[in-house]
Amino acid sequence: MAEDFQLEAPAPSTGMPALSPVQVPPTPPQAGEVFGERLALAEQFVAILADTGISHGLIGPREASRLWDRHVLNCAVVHRGIASTSPGSRQRVIDVGSGAGLPGLALAIARPDLEIHLVEPLTRRTGWLSGTVATLGLDNAMVHTARAEDLWDRLTVPYVTARAVSGIVQLAAWTLPLLSPGGSLLAIKGARAEEELATNRAALHRMGVAEASIEVWGDELPTPTTVLRLTIGDPVDRRRFTQRGGSSAGSARRRADRPGGSRVMTRADGSGRRSRGGAS
């Protein structure tokens, strides 16, 4: 039986001491192209990551100089793979294993028309996330202290995102039941994405994936972002996943699989996306 989840109200502060002095990396020119008029908000997020993000252990100290290109921009460009909805409404997205708000908070900043649900099982991380949401004044981000499977019967969305959370088959088992018909899981992957898809395509098809493809977003970045997109047709039968092991999305991050990705893809268009893939 799924455990109850808590919807965290934004906290006024993280309640933890900050590192001093804070070494905030300079804003690269590509940031303006990605965030537009919300660049100042993105800069504030990077400053928080460089400060309490590091002191809370959510970002490694050695990553401070690479917060923009390897983390924030790398995640924010994924918004280009999320369709807009009707005027006056917000597209709903669940970000699983949110950790330091990557990609969830980066997406919420880049796209105020998205409603981002940050799902993270570890209380110390959701406390930081809630404080960061409050500090940034984001009204389109909500924090859930929960595992992905705790939300199966409570929340259904067109898009689920994840970064460095387990292998693709296990990630699909946790997240496919969260998708509405025709919905997509956007999993940020690294250089092994094509190999991982080729190895697991048949298994993913048996799990209910109708189409799987590799997409690359952010040609303007030093290293574009590689995304493995899994799209379902009909709603996934949740019963087939009930016997699988419990989710550990908050602790199963694989550091070796940080987004990198190949630049060599077979199709290009004018939107900064290149892709290879097809029906499963």
C-alpha atoms as a PDB file:
ATOM      1  CA  MET A   1       0.000   0.000   0.000  1.00  0.00           C
ATOM      2  CA  ALA A   2       1.305   3.401  -0.892  1.00  0.00           C
ATOM      3  CA  GLU A   3       2.427   5.541   1.980  1.00  0.00           C
ATOM      4  CA  ASP A   4       0.863   8.922   2.620  1.00  0.00           C
ATOM      5  CA  PHE A   5       2.746  11.834   1.135  1.00  0.00           C
ATOM      6  CA  GLN A   6       3.054  15.338   2.427  1.00  0.00           C
ATOM      7  CA  LEU A   7       2.623  18.492   0.356  1.00  0.00           C
ATOM      8  CA  GLU A   8       5.166  20.861   1.815  1.00  0.00           C
ATOM      9  CA  ALA A   9       4.196  24.490   2.311  1.00  0.00           C
ATOM     10  CA  PRO A  10       6.997  26.845   1.246  1.00  0.00           C
ATOM     11  CA  ALA A  11       9.223  27.676   4.196  1.00  0.00           C
ATOM     12  CA  PRO A  12      10.567  31.192   4.739  1.00  0.00           C
ATOM     13  CA  SER A  13      14.127  29.932   4.868  1.00  0.00           C
ATOM     14  CA  THR A  14      16.156  26.744   4.766  1.00  0.00           C
ATOM     15  CA  GLY A  15      16.947  27.037   8.472  1.00  0.00           C
ATOM     16  CA  MET A  16      20.538  25.928   7.904  1.00  0.00           C
ATOM     17  CA  PRO A  17      23.795  27.900   7.942  1.00  0.00           C
ATOM     18  CA  ALA A  18      25.192  28.969   4.601  1.00  0.00           C
ATOM     19  CA  LEU A  19      28.719  28.648   3.335  1.00  0.00           C
ATOM     20  CA  SER A  20      30.704  31.860   3.447  1.00  0.00           C
ATOM     21  CA  PRO A  21      32.002  33.279   1.261  1.00  0.00           C
ATOM     22  CA  VAL A  22      29.845  32.030  -1.626  1.00  0.00           C
ATOM     23  CA  GLN A  23      31.632  31.518  -4.917  1.00  0.00           C
ATOM     24  CA  VAL A  24      28.959  32.145  -7.534  1.00  0.00           C
ATOM     25  CA  PRO A  25      30.048  31.363 -11.100  1.00  0.00           C
ATOM     26  CA  PRO A  26      29.638  34.156 -13.666  1.00  0.00           C
ATOM     27  CA  THR A  27      26.536  34.127 -15.850  1.00  0.00           C
ATOM     28  CA  PRO A  28      27.321  32.768 -19.330  1.00  0.00           C
ATOM     29  CA  PRO A  29      25.810  34.451 -22.410  1.00  0.00           C
ATOM     30  CA  GLN A  30      23.713  31.363 -23.187  1.00  0.00           C
ATOM     31  CA  ALA A  31      21.746  31.880 -19.971  1.00  0.00           C
ATOM     32  CA  GLY A  32      19.973  34.907 -21.383  1.00  0.00           C
ATOM     33  CA  GLU A  33      18.853  32.910 -24.403  1.00  0.00           C
ATOM     34  CA  VAL A  34      17.487  30.091 -22.238  1.00  0.00           C
ATOM     35  CA  PHE A  35      15.831  32.104 -19.455  1.00  0.00           C
ATOM     36  CA  GLY A  36      14.970  35.373 -21.201  1.00  0.00           C
ATOM     37  CA  GLU A  37      13.307  37.908 -18.900  1.00  0.00           C
ATOM     38  CA  ARG A  38      13.574  35.465 -15.982  1.00  0.00           C
ATOM     39  CA  LEU A  39      17.378  35.466 -16.064  1.00  0.00           C
ATOM     40  CA  ALA A  40      17.653  37.315 -12.742  1.00  0.00           C
ATOM     41  CA  LEU A  41      15.598  34.571 -11.083  1.00  0.00           C
ATOM     42  CA  ALA A  42      17.889  31.929 -12.587  1.00  0.00           C
ATOM     43  CA  GLU A  43      20.924  33.810 -11.274  1.00  0.00           C
ATOM     44  CA  GLN A  44      19.378  33.823  -7.804  1.00  0.00           C
ATOM     45  CA  PHE A  45      18.835  30.055  -8.052  1.00  0.00           C
ATOM     46  CA  VAL A  46      22.467  29.508  -9.038  1.00  0.00           C
ATOM     47  CA  ALA A  47      23.563  31.609  -6.037  1.00  0.00           C
ATOM     48  CA  ILE A  48      21.438  29.417  -3.735  1.00  0.00           C
ATOM     49  CA  LEU A  49      22.923  26.263  -5.231  1.00  0.00           C
ATOM     50  CA  ALA A  50      26.444  27.633  -4.752  1.00  0.00           C
ATOM     51  CA  ASP A  51      25.608  28.410  -1.128  1.00  0.00           C
ATOM     52  CA  THR A  52      23.192  26.113   0.716  1.00  0.00           C
ATOM     53  CA  GLY A  53      22.997  23.652  -2.162  1.00  0.00           C
ATOM     54  CA  ILE A  54      26.607  22.802  -1.405  1.00  0.00           C
ATOM     55  CA  SER A  55      26.388  23.109   2.382  1.00  0.00           C
ATOM     56  CA  HIS A  56      23.395  20.714   2.391  1.00  0.00           C
ATOM     57  CA  GLY A  57      25.298  18.183   0.298  1.00  0.00           C
ATOM     58  CA  LEU A  58      22.956  18.470  -2.685  1.00  0.00           C
ATOM     59  CA  ILE A  59      25.710  19.694  -4.995  1.00  0.00           C
ATOM     60  CA  GLY A  60      29.336  18.667  -4.717  1.00  0.00           C
ATOM     61  CA  PRO A  61      31.804  21.481  -3.886  1.00  0.00           C
ATOM     62  CA  ARG A  62      33.761  20.734  -7.062  1.00  0.00           C
ATOM     63  CA  GLU A  63      30.627  21.432  -9.117  1.00  0.00           C
ATOM     64  CA  ALA A  64      30.411  25.093  -8.060  1.00  0.00           C
ATOM     65  CA  SER A  65      32.241  26.417 -11.107  1.00  0.00           C
ATOM     66  CA  ARG A  66      30.057  24.306 -13.407  1.00  0.00           C
ATOM     67  CA  LEU A  67      26.659  25.115 -11.949  1.00  0.00           C
ATOM     68  CA  TRP A  68      25.492  26.966 -15.034  1.00  0.00           C
ATOM     69  CA  ASP A  69      26.571  24.777 -17.922  1.00  0.00           C
ATOM     70  CA  ARG A  70      26.523  21.312 -16.347  1.00  0.00           C
ATOM     71  CA  HIS A  71      23.497  21.702 -14.119  1.00  0.00           C
ATOM     72  CA  VAL A  72      21.115  24.652 -14.472  1.00  0.00           C
ATOM     73  CA  LEU A  73      21.296  25.295 -18.220  1.00  0.00           C
ATOM     74  CA  ASN A  74      21.706  21.606 -18.926  1.00  0.00           C
ATOM     75  CA  CYS A  75      18.354  21.023 -17.204  1.00  0.00           C
ATOM     76  CA  ALA A  76      16.491  24.158 -18.267  1.00  0.00           C
ATOM     77  CA  VAL A  77      16.741  23.454 -22.012  1.00  0.00           C
ATOM     78  CA  VAL A  78      14.596  20.349 -21.502  1.00  0.00           C
ATOM     79  CA  HIS A  79      11.585  22.682 -21.375  1.00  0.00           C
ATOM     80  CA  ARG A  80      11.781  22.753 -25.169  1.00  0.00           C
ATOM     81  CA  GLY A  81      10.523  19.175 -25.153  1.00  0.00           C
ATOM     82  CA  ILE A  82       7.410  20.085 -23.155  1.00  0.00           C
ATOM     83  CA  ALA A  83       4.434  21.388 -25.111  1.00  0.00           C
ATOM     84  CA  SER A  84       2.503  24.455 -24.058  1.00  0.00           C
ATOM     85  CA  THR A  85      -1.110  24.130 -23.005  1.00  0.00           C
ATOM     86  CA  SER A  86      -4.111  26.384 -23.549  1.00  0.00           C
ATOM     87  CA  PRO A  87      -3.762  30.075 -22.596  1.00  0.00           C
ATOM     88  CA  GLY A  88      -4.466  30.735 -18.944  1.00  0.00           C
ATOM     89  CA  SER A  89      -3.641  27.207 -17.800  1.00  0.00           C
ATOM     90  CA  ARG A  90      -0.422  25.449 -16.836  1.00  0.00           C
ATOM     91  CA  GLN A  91       1.088  22.257 -18.172  1.00  0.00           C
ATOM     92  CA  ARG A  92       1.548  19.815 -15.302  1.00  0.00           C
ATOM     93  CA  VAL A  93       4.928  18.123 -14.823  1.00  0.00           C
ATOM     94  CA  ILE A  94       6.186  15.758 -12.128  1.00  0.00           C
ATOM     95  CA  ASP A  95       9.925  15.880 -11.425  1.00  0.00           C
ATOM     96  CA  VAL A  96      10.994  12.642  -9.736  1.00  0.00           C
ATOM     97  CA  GLY A  97      13.982  12.578  -7.384  1.00  0.00           C
ATOM     98  CA  SER A  98      14.214  16.382  -7.436  1.00  0.00           C
ATOM     99  CA  GLY A  99      17.167  16.656  -5.039  1.00  0.00           C
ATOM    100  CA  ALA A 100      18.690  20.068  -5.740  1.00  0.00           C
ATOM    101  CA  GLY A 101      15.761  21.113  -7.920  1.00  0.00           C
ATOM    102  CA  LEU A 102      17.343  19.795 -11.081  1.00  0.00           C
ATOM    103  CA  PRO A 103      15.653  19.743 -13.466  1.00  0.00           C
ATOM    104  CA  GLY A 104      12.420  20.746 -11.657  1.00  0.00           C
ATOM    105  CA  LEU A 105      13.251  24.234 -10.383  1.00  0.00           C
ATOM    106  CA  ALA A 106      15.212  25.104 -13.520  1.00  0.00           C
ATOM    107  CA  LEU A 107      12.097  24.239 -15.538  1.00  0.00           C
ATOM    108  CA  ALA A 108       9.816  26.216 -13.210  1.00  0.00           C
ATOM    109  CA  ILE A 109      12.023  29.276 -13.683  1.00  0.00           C
ATOM    110  CA  ALA A 110      12.338  28.923 -17.462  1.00  0.00           C
ATOM    111  CA  ARG A 111       8.635  28.212 -17.972  1.00  0.00           C
ATOM    112  CA  PRO A 112       6.155  30.004 -15.692  1.00  0.00           C
ATOM    113  CA  ASP A 113       3.390  28.278 -17.692  1.00  0.00           C
ATOM    114  CA  LEU A 114       4.412  24.924 -16.172  1.00  0.00           C
ATOM    115  CA  GLU A 115       3.080  23.520 -12.893  1.00  0.00           C
ATOM    116  CA  ILE A 116       6.014  21.582 -11.454  1.00  0.00           C
ATOM    117  CA  HIS A 117       5.540  18.932  -8.777  1.00  0.00           C
ATOM    118  CA  LEU A 118       8.896  18.261  -7.099  1.00  0.00           C
ATOM    119  CA  VAL A 119       8.882  14.702  -5.735  1.00  0.00           C
ATOM    120  CA  GLU A 120      11.627  13.740  -3.302  1.00  0.00           C
ATOM    121  CA  PRO A 121      11.448  11.131  -0.490  1.00  0.00           C
ATOM    122  CA  LEU A 122      14.127  12.606   1.792  1.00  0.00           C
ATOM    123  CA  THR A 123      12.863  15.194   4.269  1.00  0.00           C
ATOM    124  CA  ARG A 124      16.142  17.088   4.496  1.00  0.00           C
ATOM    125  CA  ARG A 125      16.023  17.631   0.747  1.00  0.00           C
ATOM    126  CA  THR A 126      12.360  18.637   0.615  1.00  0.00           C
ATOM    127  CA  GLY A 127      13.002  21.125   3.410  1.00  0.00           C
ATOM    128  CA  TRP A 128      15.686  22.733   1.270  1.00  0.00           C
ATOM    129  CA  LEU A 129      13.448  22.631  -1.803  1.00  0.00           C
ATOM    130  CA  SER A 130      10.560  24.288   0.046  1.00  0.00           C
ATOM    131  CA  GLY A 131      12.829  27.037   1.326  1.00  0.00           C
ATOM    132  CA  THR A 132      14.249  27.612  -2.142  1.00  0.00           C
ATOM    133  CA  VAL A 133      10.784  27.788  -3.716  1.00  0.00           C
ATOM    134  CA  ALA A 134       9.819  30.391  -1.103  1.00  0.00           C
ATOM    135  CA  THR A 135      13.010  32.410  -1.548  1.00  0.00           C
ATOM    136  CA  LEU A 136      12.573  32.502  -5.328  1.00  0.00           C
ATOM    137  CA  GLY A 137       8.884  33.364  -5.010  1.00  0.00           C
ATOM    138  CA  LEU A 138       7.833  30.604  -7.404  1.00  0.00           C
ATOM    139  CA  ASP A 139       4.075  30.075  -7.516  1.00  0.00           C
ATOM    140  CA  ASN A 140       4.308  27.233 -10.037  1.00  0.00           C
ATOM    141  CA  ALA A 141       6.346  24.739  -7.991  1.00  0.00           C
ATOM    142  CA  MET A 142       5.058  22.397  -5.264  1.00  0.00           C
ATOM    143  CA  VAL A 143       7.113  20.061  -3.095  1.00  0.00           C
ATOM    144  CA  HIS A 144       6.035  16.537  -2.167  1.00  0.00           C
ATOM    145  CA  THR A 145       7.843  14.441   0.437  1.00  0.00           C
ATOM    146  CA  ALA A 146       7.075  11.149  -1.247  1.00  0.00           C
ATOM    147  CA  ARG A 147       8.239   8.334  -3.463  1.00  0.00           C
ATOM    148  CA  ALA A 148       7.037   8.357  -7.057  1.00  0.00           C
ATOM    149  CA  GLU A 149       4.821   5.326  -6.497  1.00  0.00           C
ATOM    150  CA  ASP A 150       3.110   7.033  -3.541  1.00  0.00           C
ATOM    151  CA  LEU A 151       1.521   9.357  -6.083  1.00  0.00           C
ATOM    152  CA  TRP A 152       0.260   6.731  -8.528  1.00  0.00           C
ATOM    153  CA  ASP A 153      -3.354   7.081  -7.424  1.00  0.00           C
ATOM    154  CA  ARG A 154      -3.134  10.769  -6.572  1.00  0.00           C
ATOM    155  CA  LEU A 155      -1.503  12.578  -9.475  1.00  0.00           C
ATOM    156  CA  THR A 156      -1.521  12.034 -13.237  1.00  0.00           C
ATOM    157  CA  VAL A 157       0.327  14.315 -15.652  1.00  0.00           C
ATOM    158  CA  PRO A 158       1.342  14.556 -19.325  1.00  0.00           C
ATOM    159  CA  TYR A 159       5.056  14.817 -18.479  1.00  0.00           C
ATOM    160  CA  VAL A 160       7.454  13.315 -15.943  1.00  0.00           C
ATOM    161  CA  THR A 161      11.095  14.409 -15.742  1.00  0.00           C
ATOM    162  CA  ALA A 162      14.079  12.835 -14.014  1.00  0.00           C
ATOM    163  CA  ARG A 163      17.818  13.317 -13.948  1.00  0.00           C
ATOM    164  CA  ALA A 164      20.437  10.772 -12.886  1.00  0.00           C
ATOM    165  CA  VAL A 165      17.811   8.570 -11.230  1.00  0.00           C
ATOM    166  CA  SER A 166      18.494   4.834 -11.654  1.00  0.00           C
ATOM    167  CA  GLY A 167      18.487   2.831 -14.897  1.00  0.00           C
ATOM    168  CA  ILE A 168      15.763   3.424 -17.464  1.00  0.00           C
ATOM    169  CA  VAL A 169      13.781   0.224 -16.779  1.00  0.00           C
ATOM    170  CA  GLN A 170      13.558   0.855 -13.037  1.00  0.00           C
ATOM    171  CA  LEU A 171      12.829   4.540 -13.649  1.00  0.00           C
ATOM    172  CA  ALA A 172      10.036   3.571 -16.053  1.00  0.00           C
ATOM    173  CA  ALA A 173       8.552   1.246 -13.437  1.00  0.00           C
ATOM    174  CA  TRP A 174       8.387   4.123 -10.957  1.00  0.00           C
ATOM    175  CA  THR A 175       7.096   6.785 -13.348  1.00  0.00           C
ATOM    176  CA  LEU A 176       5.008   5.356 -16.200  1.00  0.00           C
ATOM    177  CA  PRO A 177       1.947   4.942 -13.927  1.00  0.00           C
ATOM    178  CA  LEU A 178       2.071   8.716 -13.337  1.00  0.00           C
ATOM    179  CA  LEU A 179       1.513   9.492 -17.027  1.00  0.00           C
ATOM    180  CA  SER A 180      -1.804  10.312 -18.641  1.00  0.00           C
ATOM    181  CA  PRO A 181      -2.559   8.661 -22.028  1.00  0.00           C
ATOM    182  CA  GLY A 182       0.004   9.775 -24.593  1.00  0.00           C
ATOM    183  CA  GLY A 183       2.241  11.181 -21.857  1.00  0.00           C
ATOM    184  CA  SER A 184       6.032  11.141 -21.876  1.00  0.00           C
ATOM    185  CA  LEU A 185       8.855  10.470 -19.463  1.00  0.00           C
ATOM    186  CA  LEU A 186      11.814  12.767 -20.204  1.00  0.00           C
ATOM    187  CA  ALA A 187      14.892  11.193 -18.624  1.00  0.00           C
ATOM    188  CA  ILE A 188      18.072  13.270 -18.792  1.00  0.00           C
ATOM    189  CA  LYS A 189      20.867  10.877 -19.628  1.00  0.00           C
ATOM    190  CA  GLY A 190      24.505  10.908 -20.587  1.00  0.00           C
ATOM    191  CA  ALA A 191      26.658   9.447 -23.330  1.00  0.00           C
ATOM    192  CA  ARG A 192      25.309   5.922 -22.746  1.00  0.00           C
ATOM    193  CA  ALA A 193      21.692   6.841 -23.566  1.00  0.00           C
ATOM    194  CA  GLU A 194      21.611   5.166 -26.973  1.00  0.00           C
ATOM    195  CA  GLU A 195      23.184   1.998 -25.608  1.00  0.00           C
ATOM    196  CA  GLU A 196      20.775   1.950 -22.683  1.00  0.00           C
ATOM    197  CA  LEU A 197      17.779   2.339 -24.976  1.00  0.00           C
ATOM    198  CA  ALA A 198      18.979  -0.344 -27.389  1.00  0.00           C
ATOM    199  CA  THR A 199      19.538  -2.791 -24.539  1.00  0.00           C
ATOM    200  CA  ASN A 200      16.169  -2.192 -22.903  1.00  0.00           C
ATOM    201  CA  ARG A 201      13.822  -1.357 -25.788  1.00  0.00           C
ATOM    202  CA  ALA A 202      11.998  -4.710 -25.707  1.00  0.00           C
ATOM    203  CA  ALA A 203      11.545  -4.569 -21.930  1.00  0.00           C
ATOM    204  CA  LEU A 204      10.205  -1.026 -22.135  1.00  0.00           C
ATOM    205  CA  HIS A 205       7.724  -2.063 -24.807  1.00  0.00           C
ATOM    206  CA  ARG A 206       6.429  -4.826 -22.525  1.00  0.00           C
ATOM    207  CA  MET A 207       5.991  -2.229 -19.792  1.00  0.00           C
ATOM    208  CA  GLY A 208       3.673  -0.143 -21.954  1.00  0.00           C
ATOM    209  CA  VAL A 209       6.034   2.206 -23.824  1.00  0.00           C
ATOM    210  CA  ALA A 210       4.628   2.893 -27.284  1.00  0.00           C
ATOM    211  CA  GLU A 211       7.524   4.994 -28.561  1.00  0.00           C
ATOM    212  CA  ALA A 212      11.083   5.596 -27.385  1.00  0.00           C
ATOM    213  CA  SER A 213      13.623   8.052 -28.785  1.00  0.00           C
ATOM    214  CA  ILE A 214      16.792   9.959 -28.013  1.00  0.00           C
ATOM    215  CA  GLU A 215      16.536  13.746 -28.193  1.00  0.00           C
ATOM    216  CA  VAL A 216      19.216  16.401 -27.826  1.00  0.00           C
ATOM    217  CA  TRP A 217      18.354  19.922 -26.696  1.00  0.00           C
ATOM    218  CA  GLY A 218      20.478  23.051 -26.310  1.00  0.00           C
ATOM    219  CA  ASP A 219      22.812  23.251 -29.264  1.00  0.00           C
ATOM    220  CA  GLU A 220      23.949  26.618 -27.913  1.00  0.00           C
ATOM    221  CA  LEU A 221      25.438  24.969 -24.805  1.00  0.00           C
ATOM    222  CA  PRO A 222      29.016  23.672 -24.576  1.00  0.00           C
ATOM    223  CA  THR A 223      27.545  20.189 -24.119  1.00  0.00           C
ATOM    224  CA  PRO A 224      23.934  19.786 -25.275  1.00  0.00           C
ATOM    225  CA  THR A 225      21.526  17.802 -23.128  1.00  0.00           C
ATOM    226  CA  THR A 226      20.660  14.233 -24.069  1.00  0.00           C
ATOM    227  CA  VAL A 227      17.140  13.111 -23.167  1.00  0.00           C
ATOM    228  CA  LEU A 228      15.626   9.656 -23.424  1.00  0.00           C
ATOM    229  CA  ARG A 229      11.912  10.151 -24.139  1.00  0.00           C
ATOM    230  CA  LEU A 230       9.489   7.317 -23.384  1.00  0.00           C
ATOM    231  CA  THR A 231       5.903   7.858 -24.543  1.00  0.00           C
ATOM    232  CA  ILE A 232       2.974   5.653 -23.571  1.00  0.00           C
ATOM    233  CA  GLY A 233      -0.251   5.088 -25.468  1.00  0.00           C
ATOM    234  CA  ASP A 234      -3.010   3.870 -23.192  1.00  0.00           C
ATOM    235  CA  PRO A 235      -2.694   4.300 -19.419  1.00  0.00           C
ATOM    236  CA  VAL A 236      -0.207   1.842 -17.930  1.00  0.00           C
ATOM    237  CA  ASP A 237      -1.665  -0.926 -15.776  1.00  0.00           C
ATOM    238  CA  ARG A 238      -0.226  -0.089 -12.377  1.00  0.00           C
ATOM    239  CA  ARG A 239      -0.748  -3.616 -11.051  1.00  0.00           C
ATOM    240  CA  ARG A 240       2.151  -4.922 -13.115  1.00  0.00           C
ATOM    241  CA  PHE A 241       4.554  -2.781 -11.066  1.00  0.00           C
ATOM    242  CA  THR A 242       3.237  -3.434  -7.560  1.00  0.00           C
ATOM    243  CA  GLN A 243       5.664  -6.277  -6.894  1.00  0.00           C
ATOM    244  CA  ARG A 244       8.752  -4.273  -7.812  1.00  0.00           C
ATOM    245  CA  GLY A 245      11.113  -3.000  -5.164  1.00  0.00           C
ATOM    246  CA  GLY A 246      10.514   0.304  -3.419  1.00  0.00           C
ATOM    247  CA  SER A 247      11.656   3.516  -4.987  1.00  0.00           C
ATOM    248  CA  SER A 248      14.901   5.085  -3.911  1.00  0.00           C
ATOM    249  CA  ALA A 249      14.808   7.991  -6.334  1.00  0.00           C
ATOM    250  CA  GLY A 250      16.304  10.294  -3.731  1.00  0.00           C
ATOM    251  CA  SER A 251      19.362   8.126  -3.197  1.00  0.00           C
ATOM    252  CA  ALA A 252      19.776   6.202  -6.463  1.00  0.00           C
ATOM    253  CA  ARG A 253      21.365   9.049  -8.374  1.00  0.00           C
ATOM    254  CA  ARG A 254      24.175   7.755 -10.484  1.00  0.00           C
ATOM    255  CA  ARG A 255      26.934  10.347 -10.523  1.00  0.00           C
ATOM    256  CA  ALA A 256      28.684   8.637 -13.410  1.00  0.00           C
ATOM    257  CA  ASP A 257      25.662   9.230 -15.626  1.00  0.00           C
ATOM    258  CA  ARG A 258      25.520  13.013 -15.347  1.00  0.00           C
ATOM    259  CA  PRO A 259      24.206  14.614 -18.547  1.00  0.00           C
ATOM    260  CA  GLY A 260      26.738  14.789 -21.327  1.00  0.00           C
ATOM    261  CA  GLY A 261      25.599  13.187 -24.495  1.00  0.00           C
ATOM    262  CA  SER A 262      26.865  12.817 -27.987  1.00  0.00           C
ATOM    263  CA  ARG A 263      26.608  15.562 -30.553  1.00  0.00           C
ATOM    264  CA  VAL A 264      26.243  12.988 -33.330  1.00  0.00           C
ATOM    265  CA  MET A 265      22.556  12.469 -34.091  1.00  0.00           C
ATOM    266  CA  THR A 266      20.758  11.725 -37.316  1.00  0.00           C
ATOM    267  CA  ARG A 267      18.178  14.516 -37.584  1.00  0.00           C
ATOM    268  CA  ALA A 268      18.217  18.213 -36.882  1.00  0.00           C
ATOM    269  CA  ASP A 269      15.651  20.980 -36.905  1.00  0.00           C
ATOM    270  CA  GLY A 270      15.777  24.666 -36.168  1.00  0.00           C
ATOM    271  CA  SER A 271      14.695  24.418 -32.529  1.00  0.00           C
ATOM    272  CA  GLY A 272      17.949  23.235 -31.009  1.00  0.00           C
ATOM    273  CA  ARG A 273      16.774  19.616 -30.948  1.00  0.00           C
ATOM    274  CA  ARG A 274      18.274  16.609 -32.631  1.00  0.00           C
ATOM    275  CA  SER A 275      16.884  13.130 -32.228  1.00  0.00           C
ATOM    276  CA  ARG A 276      17.178   9.479 -33.077  1.00  0.00           C
ATOM    277  CA  GLY A 277      14.610   6.887 -32.196  1.00  0.00           C
ATOM    278  CA  GLY A 278      11.269   5.494 -33.160  1.00  0.00           C
ATOM    279  CA  ALA A 279       8.487   3.196 -32.165  1.00  0.00           C
ATOM    280  CA  SER A 280       9.350   0.406 -29.804  1.00  0.00           C
END
